[in-house]
């Protein structure tokens, strides 16, 4: 009896959150967190849960603008060293967005290891912006090449990190942002004082900041003053911008 071939794993896009617009003019690809090493397939339910609040917020904010928001379902739960599976799946998802919707701007928005994937895959030609929330980044090693940043040139980049994140070192995201800022002035980073990896203590503020950034980069809405200041400020000021309590309460919903 012939042995059955092992099915090839494929990444996929989840259904568009909310009602998919008839004319799509911008796409957000949500990249959930993951593990450093794992060959297991991620749970679709858990993956969606980690980025659901952000997805709902952006979908609601961009409904009238023609925003399509999708969760990327990875082939593997792990980054897996040089395989960089999550970044490859993010790049595939950008290709798929172009196939479905044509020449529209794409924002990669990732959490944790998904934040690393967003930053790494940010060089895709369709990607115009990157949002990385509490990105997991590897410890710097003199024997290894640093995490690349040249692919971010020409993109607008926002990194948000809690100062008390015990899972992903916020200092590493600051150092990456500082290197990226040298090649690309459109990089900023906000610090969420005393918040942890899940950014739950200031959840509303983080969601409002994410909305402000994404609606600005995809649809040309005016950035709030703090985002304008962070993008314009020289390092380290624009890379250690404090996220004020109550941010977003006066923003348009």
C-alpha atoms as a PDB file:
ATOM      1  CA  UNK A   1       0.000   0.000   0.000  1.00  0.00           C
ATOM      2  CA  UNK A   2       1.453   3.351  -1.028  1.00  0.00           C
ATOM      3  CA  UNK A   3       2.369   5.650   1.842  1.00  0.00           C
ATOM      4  CA  UNK A   4       0.338   8.854   1.914  1.00  0.00           C
ATOM      5  CA  UNK A   5       2.341  12.023   1.315  1.00  0.00           C
ATOM      6  CA  UNK A   6       2.486  14.452   4.220  1.00  0.00           C
ATOM      7  CA  UNK A   7       0.264  17.442   3.419  1.00  0.00           C
ATOM      8  CA  UNK A   8       2.168  20.632   2.713  1.00  0.00           C
ATOM      9  CA  UNK A   9       1.455  23.275   5.327  1.00  0.00           C
ATOM     10  CA  UNK A  10       0.312  26.579   3.973  1.00  0.00           C
ATOM     11  CA  UNK A  11      -0.218  29.937   5.593  1.00  0.00           C
ATOM     12  CA  UNK A  12      -3.622  31.501   5.094  1.00  0.00           C
ATOM     13  CA  UNK A  13      -5.550  34.680   5.648  1.00  0.00           C
ATOM     14  CA  UNK A  14      -8.506  34.558   7.960  1.00  0.00           C
ATOM     15  CA  UNK A  15     -11.800  36.004   6.786  1.00  0.00           C
ATOM     16  CA  UNK A  16     -11.904  39.782   6.729  1.00  0.00           C
ATOM     17  CA  UNK A  17     -12.929  41.122  10.124  1.00  0.00           C
ATOM     18  CA  UNK A  18     -16.327  42.742   9.987  1.00  0.00           C
ATOM     19  CA  UNK A  19     -17.990  43.298   6.647  1.00  0.00           C
ATOM     20  CA  UNK A  20     -15.453  43.384   3.825  1.00  0.00           C
ATOM     21  CA  UNK A  21     -15.774  46.669   1.915  1.00  0.00           C
ATOM     22  CA  UNK A  22     -16.901  46.539  -1.706  1.00  0.00           C
ATOM     23  CA  UNK A  23     -13.912  48.676  -2.703  1.00  0.00           C
ATOM     24  CA  UNK A  24     -10.775  48.003  -0.673  1.00  0.00           C
ATOM     25  CA  UNK A  25      -8.320  50.897  -0.479  1.00  0.00           C
ATOM     26  CA  UNK A  26      -6.045  49.670   2.332  1.00  0.00           C
ATOM     27  CA  UNK A  27      -5.180  46.434   4.128  1.00  0.00           C
ATOM     28  CA  UNK A  28      -4.016  45.622   7.642  1.00  0.00           C
ATOM     29  CA  UNK A  29      -2.456  42.202   8.151  1.00  0.00           C
ATOM     30  CA  UNK A  30      -2.549  41.204  11.821  1.00  0.00           C
ATOM     31  CA  UNK A  31       0.385  39.031  12.913  1.00  0.00           C
ATOM     32  CA  UNK A  32      -0.214  37.205  16.214  1.00  0.00           C
ATOM     33  CA  UNK A  33       2.506  36.251  18.660  1.00  0.00           C
ATOM     34  CA  UNK A  34       4.416  32.989  18.469  1.00  0.00           C
ATOM     35  CA  UNK A  35       7.253  31.006  20.000  1.00  0.00           C
ATOM     36  CA  UNK A  36      10.968  31.198  19.438  1.00  0.00           C
ATOM     37  CA  UNK A  37      11.083  27.526  18.404  1.00  0.00           C
ATOM     38  CA  UNK A  38       8.107  25.290  17.619  1.00  0.00           C
ATOM     39  CA  UNK A  39       7.097  23.059  14.734  1.00  0.00           C
ATOM     40  CA  UNK A  40       3.496  22.846  15.935  1.00  0.00           C
ATOM     41  CA  UNK A  41       0.664  24.464  14.031  1.00  0.00           C
ATOM     42  CA  UNK A  42      -0.791  27.456  15.898  1.00  0.00           C
ATOM     43  CA  UNK A  43      -4.302  27.279  17.290  1.00  0.00           C
ATOM     44  CA  UNK A  44      -6.521  29.490  15.074  1.00  0.00           C
ATOM     45  CA  UNK A  45      -8.660  30.458  18.063  1.00  0.00           C
ATOM     46  CA  UNK A  46      -5.710  31.485  20.237  1.00  0.00           C
ATOM     47  CA  UNK A  47      -4.047  33.353  17.364  1.00  0.00           C
ATOM     48  CA  UNK A  48      -7.138  35.392  16.653  1.00  0.00           C
ATOM     49  CA  UNK A  49      -7.698  36.112  20.342  1.00  0.00           C
ATOM     50  CA  UNK A  50      -4.313  37.807  20.746  1.00  0.00           C
ATOM     51  CA  UNK A  51      -5.021  40.430  18.071  1.00  0.00           C
ATOM     52  CA  UNK A  52      -8.828  40.519  18.129  1.00  0.00           C
ATOM     53  CA  UNK A  53      -9.196  43.797  20.053  1.00  0.00           C
ATOM     54  CA  UNK A  54      -6.757  45.581  17.749  1.00  0.00           C
ATOM     55  CA  UNK A  55      -8.459  44.140  14.691  1.00  0.00           C
ATOM     56  CA  UNK A  56     -11.907  45.210  15.840  1.00  0.00           C
ATOM     57  CA  UNK A  57     -10.704  48.710  16.622  1.00  0.00           C
ATOM     58  CA  UNK A  58      -9.023  49.194  13.249  1.00  0.00           C
ATOM     59  CA  UNK A  59     -11.883  47.628  11.297  1.00  0.00           C
ATOM     60  CA  UNK A  60     -14.381  49.973  12.917  1.00  0.00           C
ATOM     61  CA  UNK A  61     -12.151  53.025  12.398  1.00  0.00           C
ATOM     62  CA  UNK A  62     -11.465  52.273   8.735  1.00  0.00           C
ATOM     63  CA  UNK A  63     -14.881  51.018   7.660  1.00  0.00           C
ATOM     64  CA  UNK A  64     -15.741  54.125   5.667  1.00  0.00           C
ATOM     65  CA  UNK A  65     -12.256  54.328   4.174  1.00  0.00           C
ATOM     66  CA  UNK A  66     -12.346  50.874   2.570  1.00  0.00           C
ATOM     67  CA  UNK A  67     -10.134  49.017   5.050  1.00  0.00           C
ATOM     68  CA  UNK A  68      -9.825  45.234   4.912  1.00  0.00           C
ATOM     69  CA  UNK A  69      -8.356  43.643   8.049  1.00  0.00           C
ATOM     70  CA  UNK A  70      -7.167  40.027   8.131  1.00  0.00           C
ATOM     71  CA  UNK A  71      -5.453  37.813  10.698  1.00  0.00           C
ATOM     72  CA  UNK A  72      -2.528  35.856   9.255  1.00  0.00           C
ATOM     73  CA  UNK A  73      -2.610  32.171  10.211  1.00  0.00           C
ATOM     74  CA  UNK A  74       0.945  30.843  10.276  1.00  0.00           C
ATOM     75  CA  UNK A  75       2.175  27.435   9.186  1.00  0.00           C
ATOM     76  CA  UNK A  76       4.180  27.016  12.383  1.00  0.00           C
ATOM     77  CA  UNK A  77       3.949  28.435  15.862  1.00  0.00           C
ATOM     78  CA  UNK A  78       7.709  29.095  15.999  1.00  0.00           C
ATOM     79  CA  UNK A  79      10.102  31.537  14.368  1.00  0.00           C
ATOM     80  CA  UNK A  80      12.569  28.651  14.104  1.00  0.00           C
ATOM     81  CA  UNK A  81      15.941  30.290  13.673  1.00  0.00           C
ATOM     82  CA  UNK A  82      17.132  31.046  10.165  1.00  0.00           C
ATOM     83  CA  UNK A  83      13.881  29.626   8.751  1.00  0.00           C
ATOM     84  CA  UNK A  84      12.112  32.749  10.064  1.00  0.00           C
ATOM     85  CA  UNK A  85       8.791  31.039   9.362  1.00  0.00           C
ATOM     86  CA  UNK A  86       6.613  33.821  10.749  1.00  0.00           C
ATOM     87  CA  UNK A  87       8.321  36.498   8.648  1.00  0.00           C
ATOM     88  CA  UNK A  88       8.003  34.345   5.539  1.00  0.00           C
ATOM     89  CA  UNK A  89       4.309  33.865   6.222  1.00  0.00           C
ATOM     90  CA  UNK A  90       3.918  37.629   6.693  1.00  0.00           C
ATOM     91  CA  UNK A  91       5.539  38.209   3.290  1.00  0.00           C
ATOM     92  CA  UNK A  92       3.265  35.571   1.745  1.00  0.00           C
ATOM     93  CA  UNK A  93       0.264  37.354   3.274  1.00  0.00           C
ATOM     94  CA  UNK A  94       1.339  40.638   1.678  1.00  0.00           C
ATOM     95  CA  UNK A  95       1.557  38.837  -1.673  1.00  0.00           C
ATOM     96  CA  UNK A  96      -1.917  37.439  -1.094  1.00  0.00           C
ATOM     97  CA  UNK A  97      -3.296  40.893  -0.247  1.00  0.00           C
ATOM     98  CA  UNK A  98      -1.956  42.187  -3.561  1.00  0.00           C
ATOM     99  CA  UNK A  99      -3.474  39.226  -5.398  1.00  0.00           C
ATOM    100  CA  UNK A 100      -6.882  39.845  -3.843  1.00  0.00           C
ATOM    101  CA  UNK A 101      -7.063  43.609  -3.736  1.00  0.00           C
ATOM    102  CA  UNK A 102      -4.556  44.962  -6.233  1.00  0.00           C
ATOM    103  CA  UNK A 103      -2.211  47.870  -5.685  1.00  0.00           C
ATOM    104  CA  UNK A 104      -3.320  49.060  -2.246  1.00  0.00           C
ATOM    105  CA  UNK A 105      -1.138  50.043   0.722  1.00  0.00           C
ATOM    106  CA  UNK A 106      -0.534  47.319   3.302  1.00  0.00           C
ATOM    107  CA  UNK A 107       0.231  47.765   7.001  1.00  0.00           C
ATOM    108  CA  UNK A 108       1.798  44.867   8.884  1.00  0.00           C
ATOM    109  CA  UNK A 109       0.673  44.960  12.523  1.00  0.00           C
ATOM    110  CA  UNK A 110       2.242  42.406  14.839  1.00  0.00           C
ATOM    111  CA  UNK A 111       2.317  41.524  18.519  1.00  0.00           C
ATOM    112  CA  UNK A 112       5.283  39.899  20.254  1.00  0.00           C
ATOM    113  CA  UNK A 113       6.942  37.497  17.833  1.00  0.00           C
ATOM    114  CA  UNK A 114       4.447  38.788  15.276  1.00  0.00           C
ATOM    115  CA  UNK A 115       5.984  42.220  15.835  1.00  0.00           C
ATOM    116  CA  UNK A 116       9.356  40.809  14.840  1.00  0.00           C
ATOM    117  CA  UNK A 117       7.740  39.246  11.763  1.00  0.00           C
ATOM    118  CA  UNK A 118       6.181  42.596  10.825  1.00  0.00           C
ATOM    119  CA  UNK A 119       9.509  44.373  11.104  1.00  0.00           C
ATOM    120  CA  UNK A 120      11.397  41.694   9.178  1.00  0.00           C
ATOM    121  CA  UNK A 121       8.820  41.450   6.370  1.00  0.00           C
ATOM    122  CA  UNK A 122       8.402  45.224   6.178  1.00  0.00           C
ATOM    123  CA  UNK A 123      10.523  45.386   3.049  1.00  0.00           C
ATOM    124  CA  UNK A 124       7.806  43.807   0.917  1.00  0.00           C
ATOM    125  CA  UNK A 125       7.021  46.178  -1.943  1.00  0.00           C
ATOM    126  CA  UNK A 126       3.321  46.421  -1.010  1.00  0.00           C
ATOM    127  CA  UNK A 127       4.037  47.284   2.633  1.00  0.00           C
ATOM    128  CA  UNK A 128       4.014  50.992   3.392  1.00  0.00           C
ATOM    129  CA  UNK A 129       3.913  50.833   7.193  1.00  0.00           C
ATOM    130  CA  UNK A 130       4.681  48.628  10.183  1.00  0.00           C
ATOM    131  CA  UNK A 131       3.138  48.576  13.659  1.00  0.00           C
ATOM    132  CA  UNK A 132       5.075  46.448  16.159  1.00  0.00           C
ATOM    133  CA  UNK A 133       3.568  46.015  19.625  1.00  0.00           C
ATOM    134  CA  UNK A 134       5.966  44.644  22.259  1.00  0.00           C
ATOM    135  CA  UNK A 135       8.077  43.007  19.545  1.00  0.00           C
ATOM    136  CA  UNK A 136      10.122  39.972  20.539  1.00  0.00           C
ATOM    137  CA  UNK A 137      13.701  40.495  19.417  1.00  0.00           C
ATOM    138  CA  UNK A 138      16.754  38.272  19.909  1.00  0.00           C
ATOM    139  CA  UNK A 139      19.471  39.155  22.377  1.00  0.00           C
ATOM    140  CA  UNK A 140      22.330  40.920  20.656  1.00  0.00           C
ATOM    141  CA  UNK A 141      25.254  38.600  19.981  1.00  0.00           C
ATOM    142  CA  UNK A 142      28.606  39.833  18.702  1.00  0.00           C
ATOM    143  CA  UNK A 143      29.004  36.564  16.798  1.00  0.00           C
ATOM    144  CA  UNK A 144      25.686  36.904  14.966  1.00  0.00           C
ATOM    145  CA  UNK A 145      24.353  39.485  12.557  1.00  0.00           C
ATOM    146  CA  UNK A 146      22.065  42.058  14.191  1.00  0.00           C
ATOM    147  CA  UNK A 147      18.374  42.083  13.380  1.00  0.00           C
ATOM    148  CA  UNK A 148      18.101  43.799   9.960  1.00  0.00           C
ATOM    149  CA  UNK A 149      16.598  47.269   9.572  1.00  0.00           C
ATOM    150  CA  UNK A 150      17.480  48.336   6.006  1.00  0.00           C
ATOM    151  CA  UNK A 151      14.246  46.804   4.704  1.00  0.00           C
ATOM    152  CA  UNK A 152      12.310  49.444   6.655  1.00  0.00           C
ATOM    153  CA  UNK A 153      13.613  52.321   4.550  1.00  0.00           C
ATOM    154  CA  UNK A 154      10.708  54.191   2.974  1.00  0.00           C
ATOM    155  CA  UNK A 155       8.158  52.754   5.421  1.00  0.00           C
ATOM    156  CA  UNK A 156       6.548  54.482   8.369  1.00  0.00           C
ATOM    157  CA  UNK A 157       7.189  52.508  11.522  1.00  0.00           C
ATOM    158  CA  UNK A 158       5.664  52.643  15.005  1.00  0.00           C
ATOM    159  CA  UNK A 159       6.968  50.498  17.852  1.00  0.00           C
ATOM    160  CA  UNK A 160       5.119  50.384  21.191  1.00  0.00           C
ATOM    161  CA  UNK A 161       6.628  48.708  24.251  1.00  0.00           C
ATOM    162  CA  UNK A 162       5.815  48.458  27.941  1.00  0.00           C
ATOM    163  CA  UNK A 163       8.687  49.468  30.213  1.00  0.00           C
ATOM    164  CA  UNK A 164       8.009  46.519  32.549  1.00  0.00           C
ATOM    165  CA  UNK A 165       7.814  43.866  29.834  1.00  0.00           C
ATOM    166  CA  UNK A 166       9.416  40.768  31.368  1.00  0.00           C
ATOM    167  CA  UNK A 167       8.998  38.612  28.248  1.00  0.00           C
ATOM    168  CA  UNK A 168      10.441  40.814  25.513  1.00  0.00           C
ATOM    169  CA  UNK A 169      13.179  43.245  26.533  1.00  0.00           C
ATOM    170  CA  UNK A 170      12.053  46.809  25.719  1.00  0.00           C
ATOM    171  CA  UNK A 171      15.672  47.939  25.501  1.00  0.00           C
ATOM    172  CA  UNK A 172      16.164  45.686  22.475  1.00  0.00           C
ATOM    173  CA  UNK A 173      13.310  47.358  20.603  1.00  0.00           C
ATOM    174  CA  UNK A 174      14.788  50.753  21.467  1.00  0.00           C
ATOM    175  CA  UNK A 175      18.159  49.735  20.034  1.00  0.00           C
ATOM    176  CA  UNK A 176      16.560  48.393  16.860  1.00  0.00           C
ATOM    177  CA  UNK A 177      14.533  51.598  16.488  1.00  0.00           C
ATOM    178  CA  UNK A 178      17.697  53.671  16.926  1.00  0.00           C
ATOM    179  CA  UNK A 179      19.434  51.756  14.143  1.00  0.00           C
ATOM    180  CA  UNK A 180      16.370  51.980  11.896  1.00  0.00           C
ATOM    181  CA  UNK A 181      16.054  55.732  12.509  1.00  0.00           C
ATOM    182  CA  UNK A 182      19.508  56.275  10.988  1.00  0.00           C
ATOM    183  CA  UNK A 183      18.269  54.936   7.646  1.00  0.00           C
ATOM    184  CA  UNK A 184      14.671  56.082   7.892  1.00  0.00           C
ATOM    185  CA  UNK A 185      13.453  59.217   9.638  1.00  0.00           C
ATOM    186  CA  UNK A 186       9.855  57.917   9.677  1.00  0.00           C
ATOM    187  CA  UNK A 187      10.427  55.678  12.703  1.00  0.00           C
ATOM    188  CA  UNK A 188       9.025  56.364  16.166  1.00  0.00           C
ATOM    189  CA  UNK A 189       8.629  54.415  19.361  1.00  0.00           C
ATOM    190  CA  UNK A 190       6.342  54.906  22.355  1.00  0.00           C
ATOM    191  CA  UNK A 191       6.970  53.618  25.858  1.00  0.00           C
ATOM    192  CA  UNK A 192       4.059  52.551  28.039  1.00  0.00           C
ATOM    193  CA  UNK A 193       5.178  53.285  31.574  1.00  0.00           C
ATOM    194  CA  UNK A 194       5.005  50.350  33.997  1.00  0.00           C
ATOM    195  CA  UNK A 195       3.010  48.170  31.583  1.00  0.00           C
ATOM    196  CA  UNK A 196       3.895  44.565  30.797  1.00  0.00           C
ATOM    197  CA  UNK A 197       4.039  42.418  27.690  1.00  0.00           C
ATOM    198  CA  UNK A 198       0.299  42.345  27.071  1.00  0.00           C
ATOM    199  CA  UNK A 199       0.018  46.143  27.294  1.00  0.00           C
ATOM    200  CA  UNK A 200      -3.199  45.555  29.204  1.00  0.00           C
ATOM    201  CA  UNK A 201      -2.873  48.261  31.857  1.00  0.00           C
ATOM    202  CA  UNK A 202      -3.155  50.957  29.190  1.00  0.00           C
ATOM    203  CA  UNK A 203      -5.048  48.905  26.640  1.00  0.00           C
ATOM    204  CA  UNK A 204      -7.363  51.706  25.517  1.00  0.00           C
ATOM    205  CA  UNK A 205      -4.466  54.116  25.021  1.00  0.00           C
ATOM    206  CA  UNK A 206      -2.460  51.568  23.028  1.00  0.00           C
ATOM    207  CA  UNK A 207      -5.446  50.824  20.795  1.00  0.00           C
ATOM    208  CA  UNK A 208      -6.086  54.545  20.263  1.00  0.00           C
ATOM    209  CA  UNK A 209      -2.428  55.110  19.381  1.00  0.00           C
ATOM    210  CA  UNK A 210      -2.515  52.183  16.949  1.00  0.00           C
ATOM    211  CA  UNK A 211      -5.662  53.548  15.307  1.00  0.00           C
ATOM    212  CA  UNK A 212      -4.175  57.028  15.041  1.00  0.00           C
ATOM    213  CA  UNK A 213      -1.052  55.665  13.325  1.00  0.00           C
ATOM    214  CA  UNK A 214      -2.737  53.185  10.978  1.00  0.00           C
ATOM    215  CA  UNK A 215      -5.457  55.563   9.793  1.00  0.00           C
ATOM    216  CA  UNK A 216      -2.751  58.139   9.123  1.00  0.00           C
ATOM    217  CA  UNK A 217      -0.381  55.903   7.189  1.00  0.00           C
ATOM    218  CA  UNK A 218      -3.050  54.128   5.126  1.00  0.00           C
ATOM    219  CA  UNK A 219      -5.579  56.884   4.495  1.00  0.00           C
ATOM    220  CA  UNK A 220      -3.782  60.163   5.088  1.00  0.00           C
ATOM    221  CA  UNK A 221      -5.644  61.216   8.216  1.00  0.00           C
ATOM    222  CA  UNK A 222      -3.746  63.771  10.272  1.00  0.00           C
ATOM    223  CA  UNK A 223      -1.629  62.192  13.001  1.00  0.00           C
ATOM    224  CA  UNK A 224      -2.233  63.284  16.566  1.00  0.00           C
ATOM    225  CA  UNK A 225       0.291  65.779  17.930  1.00  0.00           C
ATOM    226  CA  UNK A 226       2.193  63.151  19.979  1.00  0.00           C
ATOM    227  CA  UNK A 227       2.718  60.962  16.890  1.00  0.00           C
ATOM    228  CA  UNK A 228       3.753  63.985  14.816  1.00  0.00           C
ATOM    229  CA  UNK A 229       6.231  64.973  17.515  1.00  0.00           C
ATOM    230  CA  UNK A 230       7.612  61.450  17.861  1.00  0.00           C
ATOM    231  CA  UNK A 231       8.228  61.134  14.123  1.00  0.00           C
ATOM    232  CA  UNK A 232       9.866  64.560  13.942  1.00  0.00           C
ATOM    233  CA  UNK A 233      12.008  64.371  17.080  1.00  0.00           C
ATOM    234  CA  UNK A 234      15.648  63.300  16.835  1.00  0.00           C
ATOM    235  CA  UNK A 235      16.711  60.192  18.723  1.00  0.00           C
ATOM    236  CA  UNK A 236      16.453  59.317  21.481  1.00  0.00           C
ATOM    237  CA  UNK A 237      13.479  61.640  22.118  1.00  0.00           C
ATOM    238  CA  UNK A 238      11.241  60.254  19.367  1.00  0.00           C
ATOM    239  CA  UNK A 239      12.123  56.698  20.350  1.00  0.00           C
ATOM    240  CA  UNK A 240      11.305  57.023  24.051  1.00  0.00           C
ATOM    241  CA  UNK A 241       8.073  58.961  23.684  1.00  0.00           C
ATOM    242  CA  UNK A 242       5.848  58.333  26.733  1.00  0.00           C
ATOM    243  CA  UNK A 243       2.300  57.229  26.010  1.00  0.00           C
ATOM    244  CA  UNK A 244       0.176  59.532  28.120  1.00  0.00           C
ATOM    245  CA  UNK A 245      -2.617  58.141  30.254  1.00  0.00           C
ATOM    246  CA  UNK A 246      -5.922  58.977  28.580  1.00  0.00           C
ATOM    247  CA  UNK A 247      -4.383  59.224  25.094  1.00  0.00           C
ATOM    248  CA  UNK A 248      -7.053  59.054  22.429  1.00  0.00           C
ATOM    249  CA  UNK A 249     -10.062  60.203  24.411  1.00  0.00           C
ATOM    250  CA  UNK A 250     -10.396  63.273  22.228  1.00  0.00           C
ATOM    251  CA  UNK A 251      -9.592  61.465  18.956  1.00  0.00           C
ATOM    252  CA  UNK A 252     -12.304  60.866  16.413  1.00  0.00           C
ATOM    253  CA  UNK A 253     -13.862  57.417  16.911  1.00  0.00           C
END
